[in-house]
Amino acid sequence: MTATGGRIEAESVLSSRHGDVDSSVSQKNYLSDLIDLSPLTTSSNSDTDGTPTNPGNFGNAMQGCGAALP
């Protein structure tokens, strides 16, 4: 193989790797956008008649919030 042939082959491999990196970066950005735009669902507790529940005091309310988190 000549020096020119080796250089052309190396440039071809480098170009291919660069394309792979660009593709991976694009996929990472796409997945990051999906995470950023994903919805957050919340819920609240209430009695069956629609009246909000009363935790009694602030400490009990905070305990209830902590228990609701995964």
Protein backbone atom coordinates (compact mmCIF):
# COMPACT_ATOMS: atom_id res chain seq x y z
CA MET A 1 0.00 0.00 0.00
CA THR A 2 1.31 3.43 -0.82
CA ALA A 3 1.52 6.33 1.62
CA THR A 4 -1.32 8.05 -0.21
CA GLY A 5 -3.46 4.92 -0.09
CA GLY A 6 -2.87 4.56 3.66
CA ARG A 7 -3.73 8.21 4.23
CA ILE A 8 -6.97 7.86 2.25
CA GLU A 9 -7.90 4.74 4.21
CA ALA A 10 -7.15 6.48 7.53
CA GLU A 11 -9.25 9.49 6.53
CA SER A 12 -12.09 7.17 5.57
CA VAL A 13 -11.99 5.43 8.94
CA LEU A 14 -11.78 8.79 10.74
CA SER A 15 -14.75 10.10 8.78
CA SER A 16 -16.76 7.00 9.67
CA ARG A 17 -15.92 7.38 13.37
CA HIS A 18 -16.85 11.05 13.25
CA GLY A 19 -20.23 10.07 11.80
CA ASP A 20 -20.70 7.56 14.62
CA VAL A 21 -19.93 10.23 17.22
CA ASP A 22 -22.32 12.71 15.58
CA SER A 23 -25.05 10.08 15.55
CA SER A 24 -24.48 9.24 19.23
CA VAL A 25 -24.56 12.92 20.22
CA SER A 26 -27.81 13.42 18.29
CA GLN A 27 -29.38 10.40 19.96
CA LYS A 28 -28.25 11.61 23.41
CA ASN A 29 -29.74 15.06 22.76
CA TYR A 30 -33.01 13.50 21.56
CA LEU A 31 -33.29 11.32 24.67
CA SER A 32 -32.38 14.25 26.92
CA ASP A 33 -35.17 16.30 25.33
CA LEU A 34 -37.65 13.46 25.95
CA ILE A 35 -36.70 13.46 29.62
CA ASP A 36 -36.93 17.25 29.86
CA LEU A 37 -40.39 17.26 28.27
CA SER A 38 -41.82 14.25 30.11
CA PRO A 39 -44.84 15.08 32.26
CA LEU A 40 -44.86 15.02 36.03
CA THR A 41 -48.02 13.59 37.55
CA THR A 42 -49.22 14.59 41.00
CA SER A 43 -52.19 13.57 43.05
CA SER A 44 -53.86 14.71 46.25
CA ASN A 45 -55.90 12.93 48.86
CA SER A 46 -59.48 13.84 49.64
CA ASP A 47 -62.47 12.33 51.34
CA THR A 48 -65.01 10.58 49.15
CA ASP A 49 -67.33 13.57 49.41
CA GLY A 50 -64.72 15.86 47.86
CA THR A 51 -63.71 17.56 51.09
CA PRO A 52 -59.90 17.87 51.40
CA THR A 53 -58.35 15.87 54.22
CA ASN A 54 -56.88 17.70 57.22
CA PRO A 55 -53.49 16.35 58.32
CA GLY A 56 -53.88 18.03 61.74
CA ASN A 57 -50.65 19.98 61.79
CA PHE A 58 -47.68 20.95 59.65
CA GLY A 59 -45.50 18.05 60.86
CA ASN A 60 -48.14 15.47 59.89
CA ALA A 61 -48.55 17.15 56.51
CA MET A 62 -44.79 16.90 55.87
CA GLN A 63 -44.78 13.24 56.89
CA GLY A 64 -47.58 12.62 54.42
CA CYS A 65 -45.62 14.35 51.66
CA GLY A 66 -42.53 12.29 52.42
CA ALA A 67 -44.51 9.06 52.35
CA ALA A 68 -45.91 9.96 48.91
CA LEU A 69 -42.47 10.33 47.34
CA PRO A 70 -40.85 7.27 45.74
